[in-house]
Amino acid sequence: MSNLLTKIKNAVYADLHEALDQKEKQNPIMMLNQYLRQCEQETEKVRKLLERQNALKEEFTREYDHAVELAEKRKHQADIASKAGETTLYDFASQEHSQYAERAQRLSHVLQQAKQQLEELERKYGEMKHKLKDMNIRRMELMGRENITRAHNRINKVLEENTFSKKAFSGFQEAESFIDRLEHQVNSSYYRNTIDARIAQLEKEMKVEES
């Protein structure tokens, strides 16, 4: 039964990886963006854990300071009770002093561990942020290269007669023909509208020369 389940699990994983491979081939930049979003989510989770660990360290610090303060207070009270001959008060204060001192010692160890763990977590969090930043920069570089490649491919399809499609080239030919026809129409209209004025000017100049 376990072998069957293992085979099924392996088959599912194989299909999943194959699907991911196909998706990566179809749109690698989209897959890269998805991976980076996952990395950003993991980094955010670590940031929240870091905040929680820092809050715990602060709480341990407060508990330690409180335990040390009470231990010193009970020790002072025990000394006064001993000098005053108050055995019952002395025993109570001494017992309390021992308990608080033991708690302070335990909290000191826990606090030291919490500080070390926090430092390690901060270091790894910093590494994660730098790595994420570097990957985002590399993504932008890849996107730029991909964009340039696509632009060159489109340009080459239009400008290189041996590689572009007839449809694309015919579109350019039609555009050029239209510009030529439009230019001819504009020039004809210009000459037609200005010929009377030009002829009149020529006649006037000729009369001046004759006189």
N, C-alpha and C. Protein backbone atom coordinates (compact mmCIF):
# COMPACT_ATOMS: atom_id res chain seq x y z
N MET A 1 0.83 -1.20 0.00
CA MET A 1 0.00 0.00 0.00
C MET A 1 0.87 1.26 0.00
N SER A 2 1.91 1.25 0.84
CA SER A 2 2.80 2.41 0.92
C SER A 2 3.55 2.61 -0.39
N ASN A 3 3.92 1.48 -1.05
CA ASN A 3 4.61 1.61 -2.34
C ASN A 3 3.69 2.24 -3.38
N LEU A 4 2.42 1.86 -3.34
CA LEU A 4 1.46 2.42 -4.28
C LEU A 4 1.30 3.93 -4.07
N LEU A 5 1.18 4.32 -2.79
CA LEU A 5 1.05 5.74 -2.48
C LEU A 5 2.29 6.52 -2.91
N THR A 6 3.46 5.91 -2.72
CA THR A 6 4.70 6.56 -3.13
C THR A 6 4.75 6.76 -4.64
N LYS A 7 4.31 5.72 -5.38
CA LYS A 7 4.29 5.83 -6.84
C LYS A 7 3.33 6.92 -7.30
N ILE A 8 2.15 6.97 -6.64
CA ILE A 8 1.17 8.01 -7.00
C ILE A 8 1.74 9.39 -6.72
N LYS A 9 2.38 9.55 -5.55
CA LYS A 9 2.96 10.84 -5.19
C LYS A 9 4.05 11.24 -6.18
N ASN A 10 4.91 10.29 -6.56
CA ASN A 10 5.98 10.59 -7.51
C ASN A 10 5.41 10.97 -8.87
N ALA A 11 4.32 10.27 -9.27
CA ALA A 11 3.69 10.58 -10.55
C ALA A 11 3.10 11.99 -10.55
N VAL A 12 2.47 12.36 -9.42
CA VAL A 12 1.89 13.70 -9.30
C VAL A 12 2.98 14.75 -9.37
N TYR A 13 4.09 14.52 -8.63
CA TYR A 13 5.21 15.46 -8.66
C TYR A 13 5.80 15.58 -10.06
N ALA A 14 5.90 14.45 -10.75
CA ALA A 14 6.46 14.46 -12.11
C ALA A 14 5.57 15.28 -13.05
N ASP A 15 4.26 15.08 -12.94
CA ASP A 15 3.32 15.85 -13.77
C ASP A 15 3.40 17.34 -13.45
N LEU A 16 3.52 17.65 -12.14
CA LEU A 16 3.61 19.05 -11.72
C LEU A 16 4.86 19.71 -12.27
N HIS A 17 6.00 19.02 -12.16
CA HIS A 17 7.25 19.58 -12.67
C HIS A 17 7.22 19.74 -14.18
N GLU A 18 6.59 18.77 -14.86
CA GLU A 18 6.48 18.87 -16.30
C GLU A 18 5.63 20.09 -16.70
N ALA A 19 4.53 20.29 -15.95
CA ALA A 19 3.67 21.45 -16.22
C ALA A 19 4.43 22.75 -15.99
N LEU A 20 5.22 22.79 -14.92
CA LEU A 20 6.01 23.99 -14.63
C LEU A 20 7.06 24.23 -15.70
N ASP A 21 7.69 23.13 -16.17
CA ASP A 21 8.68 23.26 -17.23
C ASP A 21 8.06 23.83 -18.50
N GLN A 22 6.87 23.34 -18.84
CA GLN A 22 6.18 23.84 -20.03
C GLN A 22 5.83 25.32 -19.87
N LYS A 23 5.39 25.69 -18.66
CA LYS A 23 5.02 27.08 -18.40
C LYS A 23 6.25 27.98 -18.48
N GLU A 24 7.39 27.49 -17.98
CA GLU A 24 8.62 28.26 -18.03
C GLU A 24 9.04 28.50 -19.48
N LYS A 25 8.86 27.48 -20.34
CA LYS A 25 9.24 27.63 -21.73
C LYS A 25 8.34 28.61 -22.45
N GLN A 26 7.05 28.60 -22.11
CA GLN A 26 6.09 29.46 -22.79
C GLN A 26 6.25 30.92 -22.39
N ASN A 27 6.44 31.20 -21.12
CA ASN A 27 6.58 32.58 -20.65
C ASN A 27 7.56 32.63 -19.48
N PRO A 28 8.86 32.60 -19.77
CA PRO A 28 9.86 32.55 -18.68
C PRO A 28 9.85 33.76 -17.77
N ILE A 29 9.62 34.96 -18.33
CA ILE A 29 9.61 36.17 -17.50
C ILE A 29 8.45 36.13 -16.50
N MET A 30 7.28 35.66 -16.95
CA MET A 30 6.13 35.54 -16.04
C MET A 30 6.43 34.57 -14.91
N MET A 31 7.07 33.45 -15.24
CA MET A 31 7.44 32.48 -14.21
C MET A 31 8.46 33.08 -13.25
N LEU A 32 9.41 33.84 -13.80
CA LEU A 32 10.41 34.49 -12.95
C LEU A 32 9.75 35.46 -11.98
N ASN A 33 8.77 36.22 -12.47
CA ASN A 33 8.04 37.15 -11.60
C ASN A 33 7.31 36.39 -10.50
N GLN A 34 6.76 35.24 -10.84
CA GLN A 34 6.04 34.44 -9.84
C GLN A 34 7.01 33.92 -8.77
N TYR A 35 8.18 33.45 -9.20
CA TYR A 35 9.18 32.97 -8.24
C TYR A 35 9.63 34.10 -7.30
N LEU A 36 9.83 35.28 -7.88
CA LEU A 36 10.28 36.40 -7.07
C LEU A 36 9.20 36.86 -6.10
N ARG A 37 7.93 36.77 -6.51
CA ARG A 37 6.84 37.09 -5.57
C ARG A 37 6.86 36.12 -4.39
N GLN A 38 7.13 34.85 -4.67
CA GLN A 38 7.22 33.87 -3.59
C GLN A 38 8.38 34.20 -2.65
N CYS A 39 9.51 34.63 -3.23
CA CYS A 39 10.66 35.02 -2.41
C CYS A 39 10.32 36.24 -1.55
N GLU A 40 9.59 37.19 -2.13
CA GLU A 40 9.16 38.37 -1.37
C GLU A 40 8.25 37.98 -0.21
N GLN A 41 7.36 37.01 -0.46
CA GLN A 41 6.47 36.55 0.60
C GLN A 41 7.25 35.88 1.73
N GLU A 42 8.25 35.06 1.38
CA GLU A 42 9.08 34.41 2.39
C GLU A 42 9.87 35.44 3.19
N THR A 43 10.37 36.46 2.51
CA THR A 43 11.13 37.52 3.19
C THR A 43 10.22 38.27 4.16
N GLU A 44 8.98 38.51 3.76
CA GLU A 44 8.03 39.20 4.63
C GLU A 44 7.72 38.36 5.86
N LYS A 45 7.61 37.04 5.68
CA LYS A 45 7.36 36.15 6.83
C LYS A 45 8.52 36.22 7.82
N VAL A 46 9.74 36.24 7.29
CA VAL A 46 10.92 36.33 8.17
C VAL A 46 10.93 37.67 8.90
N ARG A 47 10.52 38.74 8.21
CA ARG A 47 10.47 40.06 8.87
C ARG A 47 9.51 40.04 10.06
N LYS A 48 8.36 39.39 9.90
CA LYS A 48 7.39 39.30 10.99
C LYS A 48 7.94 38.46 12.14
N LEU A 49 8.65 37.36 11.81
CA LEU A 49 9.27 36.54 12.85
C LEU A 49 10.35 37.33 13.58
N LEU A 50 11.04 38.17 12.83
CA LEU A 50 12.08 39.01 13.44
C LEU A 50 11.46 39.98 14.43
N GLU A 51 10.34 40.60 14.05
CA GLU A 51 9.65 41.51 14.97
C GLU A 51 9.18 40.77 16.22
N ARG A 52 8.66 39.55 16.02
CA ARG A 52 8.19 38.77 17.15
C ARG A 52 9.34 38.39 18.08
N GLN A 53 10.47 38.00 17.50
CA GLN A 53 11.63 37.64 18.31
C GLN A 53 12.15 38.84 19.08
N ASN A 54 12.13 40.00 18.48
CA ASN A 54 12.58 41.22 19.15
C ASN A 54 11.65 41.56 20.31
N ALA A 55 10.34 41.36 20.09
CA ALA A 55 9.37 41.61 21.17
C ALA A 55 9.60 40.64 22.33
N LEU A 56 9.91 39.38 22.01
CA LEU A 56 10.19 38.39 23.05
C LEU A 56 11.46 38.77 23.83
N LYS A 57 12.46 39.25 23.12
CA LYS A 57 13.69 39.66 23.79
C LYS A 57 13.42 40.81 24.76
N GLU A 58 12.60 41.76 24.33
CA GLU A 58 12.26 42.87 25.21
C GLU A 58 11.49 42.38 26.43
N GLU A 59 10.60 41.40 26.23
CA GLU A 59 9.84 40.85 27.35
C GLU A 59 10.75 40.10 28.32
N PHE A 60 11.69 39.33 27.78
CA PHE A 60 12.66 38.63 28.63
C PHE A 60 13.49 39.64 29.42
N THR A 61 13.85 40.74 28.77
CA THR A 61 14.65 41.78 29.44
C THR A 61 13.88 42.38 30.62
N ARG A 62 12.61 42.68 30.39
CA ARG A 62 11.79 43.23 31.47
C ARG A 62 11.64 42.24 32.62
N GLU A 63 11.42 40.97 32.30
CA GLU A 63 11.28 39.95 33.35
C GLU A 63 12.59 39.77 34.11
N TYR A 64 13.70 39.81 33.41
CA TYR A 64 15.00 39.65 34.06
C TYR A 64 15.27 40.82 35.00
N ASP A 65 15.05 42.04 34.51
CA ASP A 65 15.27 43.22 35.35
C ASP A 65 14.37 43.19 36.59
N HIS A 66 13.14 42.74 36.39
CA HIS A 66 12.20 42.67 37.52
C HIS A 66 12.66 41.64 38.55
N ALA A 67 13.12 40.48 38.06
CA ALA A 67 13.58 39.42 38.97
C ALA A 67 14.82 39.88 39.74
N VAL A 68 15.75 40.55 39.06
CA VAL A 68 16.96 41.04 39.73
C VAL A 68 16.60 42.08 40.78
N GLU A 69 15.69 42.96 40.44
CA GLU A 69 15.26 44.01 41.39
C GLU A 69 14.64 43.39 42.64
N LEU A 70 13.75 42.42 42.46
CA LEU A 70 13.10 41.78 43.62
C LEU A 70 14.09 40.94 44.42
N ALA A 71 15.03 40.29 43.73
CA ALA A 71 16.04 39.49 44.45
C ALA A 71 16.88 40.40 45.35
N GLU A 72 17.29 41.55 44.83
CA GLU A 72 18.08 42.49 45.64
C GLU A 72 17.25 43.05 46.80
N LYS A 73 15.98 43.31 46.50
CA LYS A 73 15.09 43.84 47.53
C LYS A 73 14.91 42.84 48.68
N ARG A 74 14.65 41.57 48.32
CA ARG A 74 14.47 40.54 49.36
C ARG A 74 15.77 40.28 50.12
N LYS A 75 16.90 40.37 49.46
CA LYS A 75 18.18 40.18 50.14
C LYS A 75 18.39 41.28 51.18
N HIS A 76 18.09 42.51 50.79
CA HIS A 76 18.21 43.62 51.73
C HIS A 76 17.25 43.45 52.90
N GLN A 77 16.02 43.01 52.61
CA GLN A 77 15.04 42.78 53.66
C GLN A 77 15.47 41.65 54.59
N ALA A 78 16.08 40.61 54.04
CA ALA A 78 16.56 39.49 54.86
C ALA A 78 17.67 39.94 55.79
N ASP A 79 18.56 40.81 55.30
CA ASP A 79 19.64 41.33 56.15
C ASP A 79 19.07 42.13 57.32
N ILE A 80 18.05 42.97 57.02
CA ILE A 80 17.44 43.77 58.09
C ILE A 80 16.74 42.86 59.10
N ALA A 81 16.00 41.86 58.62
CA ALA A 81 15.29 40.93 59.52
C ALA A 81 16.27 40.15 60.38
N SER A 82 17.43 39.77 59.81
CA SER A 82 18.43 39.02 60.56
C SER A 82 19.02 39.87 61.69
N LYS A 83 19.31 41.14 61.36
CA LYS A 83 19.86 42.03 62.38
C LYS A 83 18.85 42.32 63.49
N ALA A 84 17.57 42.35 63.06
CA ALA A 84 16.52 42.63 64.05
C ALA A 84 16.10 41.40 64.82
N GLY A 85 16.63 40.24 64.45
CA GLY A 85 16.27 39.01 65.13
C GLY A 85 14.91 38.47 64.76
N GLU A 86 14.34 38.92 63.66
CA GLU A 86 13.03 38.45 63.19
C GLU A 86 13.23 37.22 62.32
N THR A 87 13.21 36.05 62.97
CA THR A 87 13.52 34.79 62.28
C THR A 87 12.52 34.48 61.17
N THR A 88 11.24 34.67 61.49
CA THR A 88 10.20 34.34 60.49
C THR A 88 10.33 35.21 59.25
N LEU A 89 10.50 36.50 59.48
CA LEU A 89 10.67 37.41 58.35
C LEU A 89 11.94 37.11 57.57
N TYR A 90 12.99 36.75 58.34
CA TYR A 90 14.26 36.42 57.69
C TYR A 90 14.12 35.20 56.79
N ASP A 91 13.46 34.16 57.29
CA ASP A 91 13.27 32.94 56.51
C ASP A 91 12.46 33.21 55.24
N PHE A 92 11.39 34.00 55.39
CA PHE A 92 10.54 34.31 54.24
C PHE A 92 11.32 35.12 53.19
N ALA A 93 12.03 36.17 53.68
CA ALA A 93 12.78 37.02 52.76
C ALA A 93 13.92 36.25 52.09
N SER A 94 14.55 35.36 52.84
CA SER A 94 15.65 34.56 52.27
C SER A 94 15.13 33.60 51.20
N GLN A 95 13.98 32.98 51.48
CA GLN A 95 13.40 32.06 50.52
C GLN A 95 13.00 32.80 49.22
N GLU A 96 12.38 33.97 49.42
CA GLU A 96 11.99 34.77 48.26
C GLU A 96 13.22 35.22 47.46
N HIS A 97 14.28 35.59 48.21
CA HIS A 97 15.51 36.01 47.55
C HIS A 97 16.08 34.89 46.68
N SER A 98 16.08 33.68 47.22
CA SER A 98 16.60 32.52 46.49
C SER A 98 15.77 32.26 45.22
N GLN A 99 14.46 32.35 45.35
CA GLN A 99 13.58 32.11 44.20
C GLN A 99 13.79 33.15 43.11
N TYR A 100 13.84 34.43 43.52
CA TYR A 100 14.03 35.48 42.52
C TYR A 100 15.43 35.42 41.91
N ALA A 101 16.42 35.10 42.71
CA ALA A 101 17.79 34.99 42.20
C ALA A 101 17.90 33.84 41.20
N GLU A 102 17.25 32.72 41.52
CA GLU A 102 17.25 31.58 40.60
C GLU A 102 16.52 31.94 39.29
N ARG A 103 15.42 32.64 39.43
CA ARG A 103 14.67 33.06 38.24
C ARG A 103 15.49 34.03 37.39
N ALA A 104 16.17 34.95 38.06
CA ALA A 104 16.99 35.92 37.33
C ALA A 104 18.12 35.21 36.59
N GLN A 105 18.71 34.19 37.22
CA GLN A 105 19.78 33.44 36.57
C GLN A 105 19.26 32.70 35.34
N ARG A 106 18.09 32.07 35.48
CA ARG A 106 17.50 31.35 34.35
C ARG A 106 17.13 32.33 33.23
N LEU A 107 16.54 33.48 33.61
CA LEU A 107 16.17 34.48 32.61
C LEU A 107 17.39 35.08 31.92
N SER A 108 18.50 35.19 32.66
CA SER A 108 19.74 35.70 32.07
C SER A 108 20.21 34.79 30.96
N HIS A 109 20.12 33.47 31.20
CA HIS A 109 20.51 32.49 30.18
C HIS A 109 19.57 32.55 28.98
N VAL A 110 18.27 32.62 29.27
CA VAL A 110 17.27 32.68 28.19
C VAL A 110 17.43 33.96 27.38
N LEU A 111 17.69 35.07 28.08
CA LEU A 111 17.85 36.35 27.41
C LEU A 111 19.07 36.35 26.50
N GLN A 112 20.16 35.74 26.99
CA GLN A 112 21.37 35.65 26.17
C GLN A 112 21.11 34.86 24.90
N GLN A 113 20.36 33.75 25.05
CA GLN A 113 20.01 32.94 23.88
C GLN A 113 19.13 33.73 22.91
N ALA A 114 18.17 34.46 23.46
CA ALA A 114 17.26 35.24 22.63
C ALA A 114 18.02 36.31 21.84
N LYS A 115 19.02 36.94 22.48
CA LYS A 115 19.83 37.95 21.79
C LYS A 115 20.63 37.33 20.66
N GLN A 116 21.24 36.17 20.93
CA GLN A 116 22.02 35.49 19.89
C GLN A 116 21.14 35.07 18.72
N GLN A 117 19.97 34.51 19.04
CA GLN A 117 19.04 34.09 18.00
C GLN A 117 18.56 35.28 17.19
N LEU A 118 18.32 36.41 17.87
CA LEU A 118 17.87 37.61 17.17
C LEU A 118 18.94 38.13 16.23
N GLU A 119 20.19 38.12 16.69
CA GLU A 119 21.30 38.57 15.84
C GLU A 119 21.43 37.69 14.61
N GLU A 120 21.30 36.37 14.81
CA GLU A 120 21.40 35.44 13.69
C GLU A 120 20.25 35.64 12.71
N LEU A 121 19.06 35.86 13.26
CA LEU A 121 17.89 36.09 12.42
C LEU A 121 18.02 37.39 11.64
N GLU A 122 18.53 38.42 12.29
CA GLU A 122 18.74 39.71 11.61
C GLU A 122 19.76 39.58 10.48
N ARG A 123 20.81 38.80 10.74
CA ARG A 123 21.84 38.60 9.72
C ARG A 123 21.26 37.88 8.50
N LYS A 124 20.50 36.80 8.75
CA LYS A 124 19.92 36.05 7.65
C LYS A 124 18.85 36.87 6.91
N TYR A 125 18.11 37.67 7.67
CA TYR A 125 17.10 38.53 7.04
C TYR A 125 17.76 39.55 6.12
N GLY A 126 18.90 40.09 6.58
CA GLY A 126 19.65 41.02 5.74
C GLY A 126 20.14 40.35 4.47
N GLU A 127 20.62 39.12 4.60
CA GLU A 127 21.08 38.37 3.43
C GLU A 127 19.93 38.13 2.45
N MET A 128 18.75 37.79 3.00
CA MET A 128 17.58 37.56 2.15
C MET A 128 17.21 38.82 1.38
N LYS A 129 17.23 39.98 2.06
CA LYS A 129 16.87 41.24 1.38
C LYS A 129 17.86 41.57 0.28
N HIS A 130 19.16 41.37 0.55
CA HIS A 130 20.17 41.65 -0.47
C HIS A 130 20.02 40.70 -1.66
N LYS A 131 19.79 39.42 -1.37
CA LYS A 131 19.63 38.45 -2.44
C LYS A 131 18.39 38.76 -3.27
N LEU A 132 17.31 39.14 -2.59
CA LEU A 132 16.08 39.48 -3.31
C LEU A 132 16.31 40.71 -4.19
N LYS A 133 17.04 41.70 -3.66
CA LYS A 133 17.34 42.90 -4.44
C LYS A 133 18.17 42.55 -5.66
N ASP A 134 19.18 41.71 -5.47
CA ASP A 134 20.03 41.31 -6.58
C ASP A 134 19.22 40.56 -7.64
N MET A 135 18.32 39.69 -7.21
CA MET A 135 17.50 38.94 -8.17
C MET A 135 16.57 39.86 -8.94
N ASN A 136 16.04 40.88 -8.26
CA ASN A 136 15.18 41.85 -8.95
C ASN A 136 15.97 42.64 -9.99
N ILE A 137 17.21 42.98 -9.67
CA ILE A 137 18.06 43.68 -10.63
C ILE A 137 18.34 42.79 -11.83
N ARG A 138 18.65 41.51 -11.56
CA ARG A 138 18.89 40.58 -12.65
C ARG A 138 17.64 40.40 -13.50
N ARG A 139 16.46 40.40 -12.86
CA ARG A 139 15.21 40.29 -13.60
C ARG A 139 15.06 41.48 -14.56
N MET A 140 15.35 42.70 -14.06
CA MET A 140 15.24 43.87 -14.91
C MET A 140 16.22 43.79 -16.07
N GLU A 141 17.43 43.27 -15.81
CA GLU A 141 18.40 43.10 -16.89
C GLU A 141 17.88 42.14 -17.95
N LEU A 142 17.30 41.02 -17.49
CA LEU A 142 16.75 40.03 -18.43
C LEU A 142 15.59 40.62 -19.22
N MET A 143 14.72 41.36 -18.52
CA MET A 143 13.58 41.98 -19.20
C MET A 143 14.06 42.97 -20.27
N GLY A 144 15.12 43.72 -19.94
CA GLY A 144 15.68 44.65 -20.91
C GLY A 144 16.23 43.93 -22.13
N ARG A 145 16.96 42.83 -21.90
CA ARG A 145 17.52 42.07 -23.01
C ARG A 145 16.41 41.44 -23.85
N GLU A 146 15.39 40.92 -23.17
CA GLU A 146 14.28 40.31 -23.90
C GLU A 146 13.57 41.36 -24.74
N ASN A 147 13.38 42.55 -24.18
CA ASN A 147 12.70 43.62 -24.91
C ASN A 147 13.50 44.04 -26.14
N ILE A 148 14.83 44.16 -25.98
CA ILE A 148 15.70 44.51 -27.11
C ILE A 148 15.63 43.43 -28.18
N THR A 149 15.65 42.17 -27.74
CA THR A 149 15.59 41.05 -28.69
C THR A 149 14.29 41.09 -29.50
N ARG A 150 13.17 41.31 -28.81
CA ARG A 150 11.88 41.37 -29.49
C ARG A 150 11.84 42.55 -30.46
N ALA A 151 12.38 43.69 -30.03
CA ALA A 151 12.38 44.87 -30.90
C ALA A 151 13.20 44.60 -32.16
N HIS A 152 14.39 44.00 -31.99
CA HIS A 152 15.24 43.70 -33.15
C HIS A 152 14.55 42.70 -34.08
N ASN A 153 13.88 41.72 -33.51
CA ASN A 153 13.19 40.73 -34.34
C ASN A 153 12.11 41.39 -35.19
N ARG A 154 11.35 42.30 -34.56
CA ARG A 154 10.29 42.99 -35.31
C ARG A 154 10.88 43.89 -36.40
N ILE A 155 11.96 44.59 -36.04
CA ILE A 155 12.60 45.46 -37.02
C ILE A 155 13.14 44.65 -38.19
N ASN A 156 13.79 43.53 -37.88
CA ASN A 156 14.37 42.69 -38.93
C ASN A 156 13.29 42.13 -39.85
N LYS A 157 12.13 41.80 -39.29
CA LYS A 157 11.04 41.28 -40.10
C LYS A 157 10.57 42.30 -41.13
N VAL A 158 10.67 43.57 -40.76
CA VAL A 158 10.21 44.63 -41.65
C VAL A 158 11.28 45.04 -42.65
N LEU A 159 12.54 45.15 -42.17
CA LEU A 159 13.59 45.72 -43.00
C LEU A 159 14.33 44.71 -43.86
N GLU A 160 14.42 43.47 -43.44
CA GLU A 160 15.16 42.47 -44.20
C GLU A 160 14.21 41.74 -45.14
N GLU A 161 14.39 41.95 -46.44
CA GLU A 161 13.44 41.42 -47.43
C GLU A 161 13.40 39.91 -47.43
N ASN A 162 14.49 39.26 -47.09
CA ASN A 162 14.54 37.81 -47.14
C ASN A 162 13.87 37.13 -45.96
N THR A 163 13.54 37.88 -44.91
CA THR A 163 12.99 37.26 -43.72
C THR A 163 11.60 37.74 -43.37
N PHE A 164 11.19 38.97 -43.86
CA PHE A 164 9.87 39.44 -43.45
C PHE A 164 8.77 38.78 -44.29
N SER A 165 7.57 38.84 -43.78
CA SER A 165 6.44 38.27 -44.52
C SER A 165 6.00 39.22 -45.62
N LYS A 166 5.39 38.66 -46.69
CA LYS A 166 4.91 39.49 -47.79
C LYS A 166 3.84 40.46 -47.32
N LYS A 167 3.06 40.02 -46.34
CA LYS A 167 1.98 40.87 -45.84
C LYS A 167 2.53 42.13 -45.20
N ALA A 168 3.58 41.96 -44.38
CA ALA A 168 4.18 43.13 -43.72
C ALA A 168 4.81 44.06 -44.74
N PHE A 169 5.50 43.49 -45.74
CA PHE A 169 6.16 44.32 -46.75
C PHE A 169 5.13 45.05 -47.62
N SER A 170 4.04 44.33 -47.98
CA SER A 170 3.01 44.97 -48.79
C SER A 170 2.39 46.14 -48.05
N GLY A 171 2.28 46.03 -46.73
CA GLY A 171 1.77 47.14 -45.94
C GLY A 171 2.64 48.36 -46.06
N PHE A 172 3.97 48.18 -46.04
CA PHE A 172 4.89 49.30 -46.20
C PHE A 172 4.82 49.86 -47.62
N GLN A 173 4.70 48.95 -48.60
CA GLN A 173 4.59 49.42 -49.98
C GLN A 173 3.34 50.26 -50.18
N GLU A 174 2.23 49.79 -49.62
CA GLU A 174 0.97 50.53 -49.74
C GLU A 174 1.07 51.89 -49.08
N ALA A 175 1.75 51.93 -47.91
CA ALA A 175 1.91 53.20 -47.21
C ALA A 175 2.73 54.18 -48.04
N GLU A 176 3.83 53.67 -48.64
CA GLU A 176 4.67 54.54 -49.47
C GLU A 176 3.91 55.02 -50.71
N SER A 177 3.13 54.11 -51.33
CA SER A 177 2.34 54.50 -52.51
C SER A 177 1.31 55.57 -52.15
N PHE A 178 0.69 55.40 -50.98
CA PHE A 178 -0.30 56.38 -50.54
C PHE A 178 0.34 57.74 -50.33
N ILE A 179 1.54 57.76 -49.73
CA ILE A 179 2.25 59.02 -49.51
C ILE A 179 2.59 59.67 -50.85
N ASP A 180 3.02 58.84 -51.83
CA ASP A 180 3.35 59.39 -53.15
C ASP A 180 2.11 60.01 -53.81
N ARG A 181 0.97 59.27 -53.74
CA ARG A 181 -0.26 59.80 -54.35
C ARG A 181 -0.71 61.08 -53.65
N LEU A 182 -0.62 61.09 -52.33
CA LEU A 182 -1.04 62.27 -51.57
C LEU A 182 -0.15 63.46 -51.91
N GLU A 183 1.15 63.21 -52.03
CA GLU A 183 2.08 64.28 -52.36
C GLU A 183 1.77 64.85 -53.75
N HIS A 184 1.47 63.96 -54.70
CA HIS A 184 1.14 64.40 -56.06
C HIS A 184 -0.13 65.25 -56.06
N GLN A 185 -1.15 64.78 -55.28
CA GLN A 185 -2.40 65.53 -55.20
C GLN A 185 -2.19 66.91 -54.60
N VAL A 186 -1.41 66.98 -53.54
CA VAL A 186 -1.15 68.26 -52.87
C VAL A 186 -0.40 69.20 -53.79
N ASN A 187 0.61 68.68 -54.51
CA ASN A 187 1.38 69.52 -55.41
C ASN A 187 0.52 70.03 -56.56
N SER A 188 -0.32 69.12 -57.12
CA SER A 188 -1.20 69.52 -58.22
C SER A 188 -2.17 70.60 -57.78
N SER A 189 -2.74 70.42 -56.60
CA SER A 189 -3.68 71.40 -56.07
C SER A 189 -2.98 72.72 -55.83
N TYR A 190 -1.75 72.68 -55.35
CA TYR A 190 -1.00 73.89 -55.08
C TYR A 190 -0.73 74.67 -56.37
N TYR A 191 -0.26 73.93 -57.38
CA TYR A 191 0.03 74.61 -58.64
C TYR A 191 -1.25 75.14 -59.30
N ARG A 192 -2.32 74.36 -59.21
CA ARG A 192 -3.59 74.78 -59.82
C ARG A 192 -4.13 76.03 -59.16
N ASN A 193 -3.99 76.13 -57.86
CA ASN A 193 -4.53 77.28 -57.12
C ASN A 193 -3.65 78.52 -57.24
N THR A 194 -2.39 78.35 -57.60
CA THR A 194 -1.47 79.49 -57.63
C THR A 194 -1.07 79.90 -59.04
N ILE A 195 -1.52 79.15 -60.07
CA ILE A 195 -1.06 79.45 -61.43
C ILE A 195 -1.52 80.82 -61.92
N ASP A 196 -2.78 81.20 -61.63
CA ASP A 196 -3.29 82.50 -62.08
C ASP A 196 -2.45 83.64 -61.52
N ALA A 197 -2.19 83.56 -60.24
CA ALA A 197 -1.41 84.62 -59.61
C ALA A 197 0.00 84.67 -60.17
N ARG A 198 0.59 83.51 -60.43
CA ARG A 198 1.95 83.49 -60.95
C ARG A 198 2.01 84.05 -62.38
N ILE A 199 1.02 83.66 -63.23
CA ILE A 199 1.00 84.17 -64.61
C ILE A 199 0.82 85.68 -64.61
N ALA A 200 -0.08 86.16 -63.75
CA ALA A 200 -0.30 87.61 -63.67
C ALA A 200 0.97 88.32 -63.26
N GLN A 201 1.71 87.75 -62.36
CA GLN A 201 2.95 88.35 -61.91
C GLN A 201 4.00 88.38 -63.03
N LEU A 202 4.03 87.27 -63.82
CA LEU A 202 4.96 87.21 -64.94
C LEU A 202 4.64 88.27 -65.99
N GLU A 203 3.33 88.44 -66.31
CA GLU A 203 2.91 89.45 -67.28
C GLU A 203 3.31 90.85 -66.82
N LYS A 204 3.12 91.11 -65.56
CA LYS A 204 3.45 92.42 -65.01
C LYS A 204 4.95 92.68 -65.12
N GLU A 205 5.74 91.68 -64.84
CA GLU A 205 7.19 91.82 -64.91
C GLU A 205 7.66 92.04 -66.35
N MET A 206 7.00 91.31 -67.30
CA MET A 206 7.37 91.45 -68.71
C MET A 206 7.04 92.85 -69.23
N LYS A 207 5.90 93.42 -68.84
CA LYS A 207 5.53 94.77 -69.25
C LYS A 207 6.51 95.79 -68.73
N VAL A 208 6.94 95.58 -67.50
CA VAL A 208 7.91 96.51 -66.92
C VAL A 208 9.22 96.47 -67.72
N GLU A 209 9.62 95.29 -68.13
CA GLU A 209 10.86 95.15 -68.89
C GLU A 209 10.73 95.79 -70.27
N GLU A 210 9.56 95.64 -70.93
CA GLU A 210 9.35 96.21 -72.24
C GLU A 210 9.36 97.73 -72.22
N SER A 211 8.79 98.29 -71.15
CA SER A 211 8.74 99.74 -71.05
C SER A 211 10.12 100.28 -70.65
